[in-house]
PDB file of all heavy atoms in Angstrom:
ATOM      1  N   SER A   1     -43.199  22.672 -33.956  1.00  0.00           N
ATOM      2  CA  SER A   1     -43.887  22.657 -35.164  1.00  0.00           C
ATOM      3  C   SER A   1     -43.439  23.954 -35.988  1.00  0.00           C
ATOM      4  O   SER A   1     -42.736  24.817 -35.481  1.00  0.00           O
ATOM      5  CB  SER A   1     -45.340  22.711 -35.005  1.00  0.00           C
ATOM      6  OG  SER A   1     -45.796  23.942 -34.495  1.00  0.00           O
ATOM      7  N   VAL A   2     -43.801  23.973 -37.248  1.00  0.00           N
ATOM      8  CA  VAL A   2     -43.600  25.217 -38.043  1.00  0.00           C
ATOM      9  C   VAL A   2     -44.151  26.404 -37.340  1.00  0.00           C
ATOM     10  O   VAL A   2     -43.473  27.469 -37.187  1.00  0.00           O
ATOM     11  CB  VAL A   2     -44.123  25.059 -39.452  1.00  0.00           C
ATOM     12  CG1 VAL A   2     -44.131  26.339 -40.290  1.00  0.00           C
ATOM     13  CG2 VAL A   2     -43.415  23.967 -40.322  1.00  0.00           C
ATOM     14  N   GLN A   3     -45.403  26.318 -37.052  1.00  0.00           N
ATOM     15  CA  GLN A   3     -46.143  27.446 -36.455  1.00  0.00           C
ATOM     16  C   GLN A   3     -45.440  27.922 -35.097  1.00  0.00           C
ATOM     17  O   GLN A   3     -45.306  29.109 -34.849  1.00  0.00           O
ATOM     18  CB  GLN A   3     -47.555  27.115 -36.146  1.00  0.00           C
ATOM     19  CG  GLN A   3     -48.473  28.311 -35.970  1.00  0.00           C
ATOM     20  CD  GLN A   3     -48.428  29.375 -37.001  1.00  0.00           C
ATOM     21  OE1 GLN A   3     -48.237  29.001 -38.169  1.00  0.00           O
ATOM     22  NE2 GLN A   3     -48.659  30.648 -36.684  1.00  0.00           N
ATOM     23  N   GLN A   4     -45.096  26.991 -34.198  1.00  0.00           N
ATOM     24  CA  GLN A   4     -44.382  27.253 -32.997  1.00  0.00           C
ATOM     25  C   GLN A   4     -43.061  28.004 -33.198  1.00  0.00           C
ATOM     26  O   GLN A   4     -42.686  28.864 -32.536  1.00  0.00           O
ATOM     27  CB  GLN A   4     -44.231  26.078 -32.144  1.00  0.00           C
ATOM     28  CG  GLN A   4     -45.485  25.490 -31.595  1.00  0.00           C
ATOM     29  CD  GLN A   4     -45.296  24.049 -30.985  1.00  0.00           C
ATOM     30  OE1 GLN A   4     -44.393  23.293 -31.397  1.00  0.00           O
ATOM     31  NE2 GLN A   4     -46.109  23.832 -30.005  1.00  0.00           N
ATOM     32  N   THR A   5     -42.309  27.606 -34.332  1.00  0.00           N
ATOM     33  CA  THR A   5     -41.091  28.191 -34.684  1.00  0.00           C
ATOM     34  C   THR A   5     -41.210  29.610 -35.159  1.00  0.00           C
ATOM     35  O   THR A   5     -40.508  30.517 -34.797  1.00  0.00           O
ATOM     36  CB  THR A   5     -40.256  27.374 -35.717  1.00  0.00           C
ATOM     37  OG1 THR A   5     -40.163  26.076 -35.182  1.00  0.00           O
ATOM     38  CG2 THR A   5     -38.917  28.002 -35.996  1.00  0.00           C
ATOM     39  N   VAL A   6     -42.286  29.829 -35.912  1.00  0.00           N
ATOM     40  CA  VAL A   6     -42.625  31.207 -36.372  1.00  0.00           C
ATOM     41  C   VAL A   6     -42.971  32.040 -35.204  1.00  0.00           C
ATOM     42  O   VAL A   6     -42.468  33.238 -35.167  1.00  0.00           O
ATOM     43  CB  VAL A   6     -43.807  31.175 -37.381  1.00  0.00           C
ATOM     44  CG1 VAL A   6     -44.378  32.578 -37.695  1.00  0.00           C
ATOM     45  CG2 VAL A   6     -43.437  30.438 -38.766  1.00  0.00           C
ATOM     46  N   GLU A   7     -43.734  31.516 -34.255  1.00  0.00           N
ATOM     47  CA  GLU A   7     -44.123  32.284 -32.992  1.00  0.00           C
ATOM     48  C   GLU A   7     -42.904  32.671 -32.231  1.00  0.00           C
ATOM     49  O   GLU A   7     -42.731  33.649 -31.669  1.00  0.00           O
ATOM     50  CB  GLU A   7     -45.131  31.557 -32.235  1.00  0.00           C
ATOM     51  CG  GLU A   7     -46.521  31.450 -32.804  1.00  0.00           C
ATOM     52  CD  GLU A   7     -47.392  30.391 -32.229  1.00  0.00           C
ATOM     53  OE1 GLU A   7     -46.977  29.707 -31.234  1.00  0.00           O
ATOM     54  OE2 GLU A   7     -48.506  30.291 -32.655  1.00  0.00           O
ATOM     55  N   LEU A   8     -41.933  31.760 -32.190  1.00  0.00           N
ATOM     56  CA  LEU A   8     -40.651  31.984 -31.513  1.00  0.00           C
ATOM     57  C   LEU A   8     -39.905  33.157 -32.131  1.00  0.00           C
ATOM     58  O   LEU A   8     -39.427  34.093 -31.379  1.00  0.00           O
ATOM     59  CB  LEU A   8     -39.784  30.697 -31.546  1.00  0.00           C
ATOM     60  CG  LEU A   8     -38.412  30.722 -30.743  1.00  0.00           C
ATOM     61  CD1 LEU A   8     -38.655  30.886 -29.257  1.00  0.00           C
ATOM     62  CD2 LEU A   8     -37.617  29.513 -31.109  1.00  0.00           C
ATOM     63  N   LEU A   9     -39.776  33.139 -33.429  1.00  0.00           N
ATOM     64  CA  LEU A   9     -39.186  34.230 -34.182  1.00  0.00           C
ATOM     65  C   LEU A   9     -39.881  35.571 -33.906  1.00  0.00           C
ATOM     66  O   LEU A   9     -39.287  36.605 -33.749  1.00  0.00           O
ATOM     67  CB  LEU A   9     -39.052  33.907 -35.603  1.00  0.00           C
ATOM     68  CG  LEU A   9     -38.104  32.927 -36.015  1.00  0.00           C
ATOM     69  CD1 LEU A   9     -38.269  32.403 -37.504  1.00  0.00           C
ATOM     70  CD2 LEU A   9     -36.609  33.336 -35.843  1.00  0.00           C
ATOM     71  N   ALA A  10     -41.181  35.509 -33.905  1.00  0.00           N
ATOM     72  CA  ALA A  10     -42.057  36.637 -33.689  1.00  0.00           C
ATOM     73  C   ALA A  10     -41.795  37.239 -32.340  1.00  0.00           C
ATOM     74  O   ALA A  10     -41.662  38.519 -32.186  1.00  0.00           O
ATOM     75  CB  ALA A  10     -43.473  36.380 -33.928  1.00  0.00           C
ATOM     76  N   ARG A  11     -41.709  36.452 -31.340  1.00  0.00           N
ATOM     77  CA  ARG A  11     -41.445  36.920 -29.990  1.00  0.00           C
ATOM     78  C   ARG A  11     -40.092  37.557 -29.874  1.00  0.00           C
ATOM     79  O   ARG A  11     -39.919  38.682 -29.157  1.00  0.00           O
ATOM     80  CB  ARG A  11     -41.541  35.799 -28.994  1.00  0.00           C
ATOM     81  CG  ARG A  11     -42.968  35.349 -28.694  1.00  0.00           C
ATOM     82  CD  ARG A  11     -43.105  34.495 -27.387  1.00  0.00           C
ATOM     83  NE  ARG A  11     -42.293  33.306 -27.514  1.00  0.00           N
ATOM     84  CZ  ARG A  11     -42.836  32.119 -27.979  1.00  0.00           C
ATOM     85  NH1 ARG A  11     -44.041  32.039 -28.362  1.00  0.00           N
ATOM     86  NH2 ARG A  11     -42.073  31.021 -27.960  1.00  0.00           N
ATOM     87  N   ARG A  12     -39.064  37.038 -30.625  1.00  0.00           N
ATOM     88  CA  ARG A  12     -37.715  37.716 -30.548  1.00  0.00           C
ATOM     89  C   ARG A  12     -37.744  39.019 -31.178  1.00  0.00           C
ATOM     90  O   ARG A  12     -37.186  39.988 -30.702  1.00  0.00           O
ATOM     91  CB  ARG A  12     -36.728  36.793 -31.332  1.00  0.00           C
ATOM     92  CG  ARG A  12     -36.370  35.516 -30.590  1.00  0.00           C
ATOM     93  CD  ARG A  12     -35.412  34.748 -31.458  1.00  0.00           C
ATOM     94  NE  ARG A  12     -35.178  33.429 -31.025  1.00  0.00           N
ATOM     95  CZ  ARG A  12     -34.518  32.355 -31.598  1.00  0.00           C
ATOM     96  NH1 ARG A  12     -34.082  32.678 -32.783  1.00  0.00           N
ATOM     97  NH2 ARG A  12     -34.338  31.252 -31.012  1.00  0.00           N
ATOM     98  N   LEU A  13     -38.469  39.240 -32.315  1.00  0.00           N
ATOM     99  CA  LEU A  13     -38.634  40.499 -32.924  1.00  0.00           C
ATOM    100  C   LEU A  13     -39.354  41.541 -32.055  1.00  0.00           C
ATOM    101  O   LEU A  13     -38.966  42.617 -31.944  1.00  0.00           O
ATOM    102  CB  LEU A  13     -39.455  40.286 -34.258  1.00  0.00           C
ATOM    103  CG  LEU A  13     -38.605  39.880 -35.527  1.00  0.00           C
ATOM    104  CD1 LEU A  13     -39.500  39.530 -36.707  1.00  0.00           C
ATOM    105  CD2 LEU A  13     -37.637  40.959 -35.894  1.00  0.00           C
ATOM    106  N   GLU A  14     -40.511  41.001 -31.451  1.00  0.00           N
ATOM    107  CA  GLU A  14     -41.201  41.890 -30.579  1.00  0.00           C
ATOM    108  C   GLU A  14     -40.363  42.364 -29.375  1.00  0.00           C
ATOM    109  O   GLU A  14     -40.527  43.476 -28.908  1.00  0.00           O
ATOM    110  CB  GLU A  14     -42.560  41.234 -30.207  1.00  0.00           C
ATOM    111  CG  GLU A  14     -43.537  41.135 -31.364  1.00  0.00           C
ATOM    112  CD  GLU A  14     -44.738  40.233 -31.129  1.00  0.00           C
ATOM    113  OE1 GLU A  14     -44.820  39.749 -30.021  1.00  0.00           O
ATOM    114  OE2 GLU A  14     -45.488  40.043 -32.004  1.00  0.00           O
ATOM    115  N   ALA A  15     -39.585  41.448 -28.843  1.00  0.00           N
ATOM    116  CA  ALA A  15     -38.642  41.844 -27.752  1.00  0.00           C
ATOM    117  C   ALA A  15     -37.692  42.855 -28.135  1.00  0.00           C
ATOM    118  O   ALA A  15     -37.259  43.680 -27.289  1.00  0.00           O
ATOM    119  CB  ALA A  15     -37.894  40.509 -27.292  1.00  0.00           C
ATOM    120  N   LEU A  16     -37.280  42.900 -29.456  1.00  0.00           N
ATOM    121  CA  LEU A  16     -36.358  43.969 -29.916  1.00  0.00           C
ATOM    122  C   LEU A  16     -37.159  45.247 -29.991  1.00  0.00           C
ATOM    123  O   LEU A  16     -36.504  46.374 -30.051  1.00  0.00           O
ATOM    124  CB  LEU A  16     -35.916  43.619 -31.284  1.00  0.00           C
ATOM    125  CG  LEU A  16     -34.804  42.453 -31.430  1.00  0.00           C
ATOM    126  CD1 LEU A  16     -34.579  42.224 -32.825  1.00  0.00           C
ATOM    127  CD2 LEU A  16     -33.539  42.857 -30.669  1.00  0.00           C
ATOM    128  N   GLY A  17     -38.426  45.234 -30.142  1.00  0.00           N
ATOM    129  CA  GLY A  17     -39.229  46.463 -30.210  1.00  0.00           C
ATOM    130  C   GLY A  17     -39.905  46.580 -31.584  1.00  0.00           C
ATOM    131  O   GLY A  17     -40.428  47.642 -31.857  1.00  0.00           O
ATOM    132  N   ALA A  18     -39.983  45.596 -32.363  1.00  0.00           N
ATOM    133  CA  ALA A  18     -40.622  45.533 -33.662  1.00  0.00           C
ATOM    134  C   ALA A  18     -42.162  45.531 -33.489  1.00  0.00           C
ATOM    135  O   ALA A  18     -42.713  44.990 -32.632  1.00  0.00           O
ATOM    136  CB  ALA A  18     -40.240  44.352 -34.509  1.00  0.00           C
ATOM    137  N   ASP A  19     -42.823  46.365 -34.392  1.00  0.00           N
ATOM    138  CA  ASP A  19     -44.243  46.455 -34.368  1.00  0.00           C
ATOM    139  C   ASP A  19     -44.888  45.710 -35.549  1.00  0.00           C
ATOM    140  O   ASP A  19     -44.352  45.757 -36.657  1.00  0.00           O
ATOM    141  CB  ASP A  19     -44.763  47.895 -34.439  1.00  0.00           C
ATOM    142  CG  ASP A  19     -44.212  48.687 -33.279  1.00  0.00           C
ATOM    143  OD1 ASP A  19     -44.383  48.151 -32.117  1.00  0.00           O
ATOM    144  OD2 ASP A  19     -43.760  49.918 -33.403  1.00  0.00           O
ATOM    145  N   LYS A  20     -46.086  45.128 -35.344  1.00  0.00           N
ATOM    146  CA  LYS A  20     -46.723  44.359 -36.409  1.00  0.00           C
ATOM    147  C   LYS A  20     -47.278  45.492 -37.377  1.00  0.00           C
ATOM    148  O   LYS A  20     -47.788  46.458 -36.986  1.00  0.00           O
ATOM    149  CB  LYS A  20     -47.900  43.596 -35.866  1.00  0.00           C
ATOM    150  CG  LYS A  20     -47.502  42.337 -35.114  1.00  0.00           C
ATOM    151  CD  LYS A  20     -48.694  41.524 -34.755  1.00  0.00           C
ATOM    152  CE  LYS A  20     -48.281  40.156 -34.001  1.00  0.00           C
ATOM    153  NZ  LYS A  20     -49.473  39.441 -33.571  1.00  0.00           N
ATOM    154  N   GLN A  21     -47.077  45.181 -38.680  1.00  0.00           N
ATOM    155  CA  GLN A  21     -47.557  46.139 -39.736  1.00  0.00           C
ATOM    156  C   GLN A  21     -48.353  45.355 -40.772  1.00  0.00           C
ATOM    157  O   GLN A  21     -48.085  45.419 -41.967  1.00  0.00           O
ATOM    158  CB  GLN A  21     -46.343  46.893 -40.473  1.00  0.00           C
ATOM    159  CG  GLN A  21     -45.552  47.707 -39.469  1.00  0.00           C
ATOM    160  CD  GLN A  21     -46.298  49.058 -39.181  1.00  0.00           C
ATOM    161  OE1 GLN A  21     -47.147  49.470 -39.933  1.00  0.00           O
ATOM    162  NE2 GLN A  21     -45.932  49.688 -38.067  1.00  0.00           N
ATOM    163  N   GLY A  22     -49.371  44.584 -40.368  1.00  0.00           N
ATOM    164  CA  GLY A  22     -50.179  43.945 -41.389  1.00  0.00           C
ATOM    165  C   GLY A  22     -49.679  42.598 -41.820  1.00  0.00           C
ATOM    166  O   GLY A  22     -48.816  41.951 -41.134  1.00  0.00           O
ATOM    167  N   THR A  23     -50.178  42.098 -42.935  1.00  0.00           N
ATOM    168  CA  THR A  23     -49.738  40.764 -43.405  1.00  0.00           C
ATOM    169  C   THR A  23     -49.156  40.819 -44.832  1.00  0.00           C
ATOM    170  O   THR A  23     -49.217  41.945 -45.427  1.00  0.00           O
ATOM    171  CB  THR A  23     -51.020  39.800 -43.378  1.00  0.00           C
ATOM    172  OG1 THR A  23     -51.995  40.412 -44.297  1.00  0.00           O
ATOM    173  CG2 THR A  23     -51.551  39.640 -41.993  1.00  0.00           C
ATOM    174  N   PHE A  24     -48.689  39.735 -45.255  1.00  0.00           N
ATOM    175  CA  PHE A  24     -48.151  39.725 -46.572  1.00  0.00           C
ATOM    176  C   PHE A  24     -48.374  38.287 -47.203  1.00  0.00           C
ATOM    177  O   PHE A  24     -48.694  37.388 -46.596  1.00  0.00           O
ATOM    178  CB  PHE A  24     -46.618  39.919 -46.624  1.00  0.00           C
ATOM    179  CG  PHE A  24     -45.751  38.808 -46.286  1.00  0.00           C
ATOM    180  CD1 PHE A  24     -45.192  37.956 -47.214  1.00  0.00           C
ATOM    181  CD2 PHE A  24     -45.552  38.443 -44.962  1.00  0.00           C
ATOM    182  CE1 PHE A  24     -44.405  36.855 -46.951  1.00  0.00           C
ATOM    183  CE2 PHE A  24     -44.865  37.375 -44.590  1.00  0.00           C
ATOM    184  CZ  PHE A  24     -44.313  36.495 -45.577  1.00  0.00           C
ATOM    185  N   GLY A  25     -48.221  38.157 -48.579  1.00  0.00           N
ATOM    186  CA  GLY A  25     -48.314  36.898 -49.155  1.00  0.00           C
ATOM    187  C   GLY A  25     -47.499  36.862 -50.521  1.00  0.00           C
ATOM    188  O   GLY A  25     -47.506  37.883 -51.168  1.00  0.00           O
ATOM    189  N   VAL A  26     -46.847  35.790 -50.760  1.00  0.00           N
ATOM    190  CA  VAL A  26     -46.124  35.625 -51.962  1.00  0.00           C
ATOM    191  C   VAL A  26     -46.546  34.128 -52.504  1.00  0.00           C
ATOM    192  O   VAL A  26     -46.513  33.213 -51.681  1.00  0.00           O
ATOM    193  CB  VAL A  26     -44.673  35.646 -51.813  1.00  0.00           C
ATOM    194  CG1 VAL A  26     -43.903  35.362 -53.071  1.00  0.00           C
ATOM    195  CG2 VAL A  26     -44.190  36.939 -51.282  1.00  0.00           C
ATOM    196  N   ASP A  27     -46.929  34.071 -53.732  1.00  0.00           N
ATOM    197  CA  ASP A  27     -47.313  32.767 -54.281  1.00  0.00           C
ATOM    198  C   ASP A  27     -46.569  32.501 -55.557  1.00  0.00           C
ATOM    199  O   ASP A  27     -46.145  33.398 -56.205  1.00  0.00           O
ATOM    200  CB  ASP A  27     -48.788  32.631 -54.466  1.00  0.00           C
ATOM    201  CG  ASP A  27     -49.368  33.531 -55.443  1.00  0.00           C
ATOM    202  OD1 ASP A  27     -49.032  33.455 -56.595  1.00  0.00           O
ATOM    203  OD2 ASP A  27     -50.207  34.479 -55.109  1.00  0.00           O
ATOM    204  N   CYS A  28     -46.477  31.190 -55.954  1.00  0.00           N
ATOM    205  CA  CYS A  28     -45.741  30.768 -57.110  1.00  0.00           C
ATOM    206  C   CYS A  28     -46.420  29.630 -57.723  1.00  0.00           C
ATOM    207  O   CYS A  28     -46.658  28.585 -57.042  1.00  0.00           O
ATOM    208  CB  CYS A  28     -44.308  30.415 -56.752  1.00  0.00           C
ATOM    209  SG  CYS A  28     -43.283  29.773 -58.050  1.00  0.00           S
ATOM    210  N   GLU A  29     -46.693  29.730 -58.998  1.00  0.00           N
ATOM    211  CA  GLU A  29     -47.237  28.613 -59.805  1.00  0.00           C
ATOM    212  C   GLU A  29     -46.219  28.225 -60.808  1.00  0.00           C
ATOM    213  O   GLU A  29     -45.615  29.083 -61.489  1.00  0.00           O
ATOM    214  CB  GLU A  29     -48.627  28.990 -60.405  1.00  0.00           C
ATOM    215  CG  GLU A  29     -49.679  29.302 -59.377  1.00  0.00           C
ATOM    216  CD  GLU A  29     -51.127  29.218 -60.021  1.00  0.00           C
ATOM    217  OE1 GLU A  29     -51.533  28.128 -60.519  1.00  0.00           O
ATOM    218  OE2 GLU A  29     -51.699  30.246 -60.052  1.00  0.00           O
ATOM    219  N   THR A  30     -46.168  26.976 -61.087  1.00  0.00           N
ATOM    220  CA  THR A  30     -45.170  26.356 -62.033  1.00  0.00           C
ATOM    221  C   THR A  30     -45.835  26.084 -63.316  1.00  0.00           C
ATOM    222  O   THR A  30     -46.908  25.374 -63.332  1.00  0.00           O
ATOM    223  CB  THR A  30     -44.484  25.130 -61.458  1.00  0.00           C
ATOM    224  OG1 THR A  30     -43.902  25.465 -60.223  1.00  0.00           O
ATOM    225  CG2 THR A  30     -43.403  24.575 -62.456  1.00  0.00           C
ATOM    226  N   TYR A  31     -45.228  26.414 -64.398  1.00  0.00           N
ATOM    227  CA  TYR A  31     -45.711  26.124 -65.790  1.00  0.00           C
ATOM    228  C   TYR A  31     -44.514  25.349 -66.473  1.00  0.00           C
ATOM    229  O   TYR A  31     -43.359  25.721 -66.292  1.00  0.00           O
ATOM    230  CB  TYR A  31     -46.085  27.344 -66.564  1.00  0.00           C
ATOM    231  CG  TYR A  31     -47.303  28.038 -66.078  1.00  0.00           C
ATOM    232  CD1 TYR A  31     -47.268  28.910 -64.951  1.00  0.00           C
ATOM    233  CD2 TYR A  31     -48.608  27.812 -66.760  1.00  0.00           C
ATOM    234  CE1 TYR A  31     -48.396  29.524 -64.554  1.00  0.00           C
ATOM    235  CE2 TYR A  31     -49.662  28.450 -66.202  1.00  0.00           C
ATOM    236  CZ  TYR A  31     -49.683  29.307 -65.220  1.00  0.00           C
ATOM    237  OH  TYR A  31     -50.850  29.893 -64.781  1.00  0.00           O
ATOM    238  N   HIS A  32     -44.936  24.356 -67.318  1.00  0.00           N
ATOM    239  CA  HIS A  32     -43.899  23.701 -68.063  1.00  0.00           C
ATOM    240  C   HIS A  32     -44.286  23.759 -69.548  1.00  0.00           C
ATOM    241  O   HIS A  32     -45.515  23.848 -69.947  1.00  0.00           O
ATOM    242  CB  HIS A  32     -43.586  22.314 -67.701  1.00  0.00           C
ATOM    243  CG  HIS A  32     -44.912  21.402 -67.554  1.00  0.00           C
ATOM    244  ND1 HIS A  32     -45.499  20.847 -68.676  1.00  0.00           N
ATOM    245  CD2 HIS A  32     -45.715  21.126 -66.594  1.00  0.00           C
ATOM    246  CE1 HIS A  32     -46.553  20.166 -68.302  1.00  0.00           C
ATOM    247  NE2 HIS A  32     -46.718  20.305 -67.024  1.00  0.00           N
ATOM    248  N   THR A  33     -43.362  23.684 -70.470  1.00  0.00           N
ATOM    249  CA  THR A  33     -43.620  23.814 -71.879  1.00  0.00           C
ATOM    250  C   THR A  33     -44.464  22.579 -72.271  1.00  0.00           C
ATOM    251  O   THR A  33     -44.279  21.462 -71.783  1.00  0.00           O
ATOM    252  CB  THR A  33     -42.432  23.881 -72.702  1.00  0.00           C
ATOM    253  OG1 THR A  33     -41.542  22.767 -72.320  1.00  0.00           O
ATOM    254  CG2 THR A  33     -41.682  25.140 -72.511  1.00  0.00           C
ATOM    255  N   ALA A  34     -45.446  22.779 -73.124  1.00  0.00           N
ATOM    256  CA  ALA A  34     -46.339  21.705 -73.527  1.00  0.00           C
ATOM    257  C   ALA A  34     -45.562  20.614 -74.286  1.00  0.00           C
ATOM    258  O   ALA A  34     -44.625  20.928 -75.000  1.00  0.00           O
ATOM    259  CB  ALA A  34     -47.383  22.188 -74.489  1.00  0.00           C
TER     260      ALA A  34
END
């Protein structure tokens, strides 16, 4: 699943020695001309 793939990437990063440093978020809303 998406979540399992994210966890797989996280494990690879942690195996390299990367440390968690909080969370992040990016959002996008679409507007069109009236």
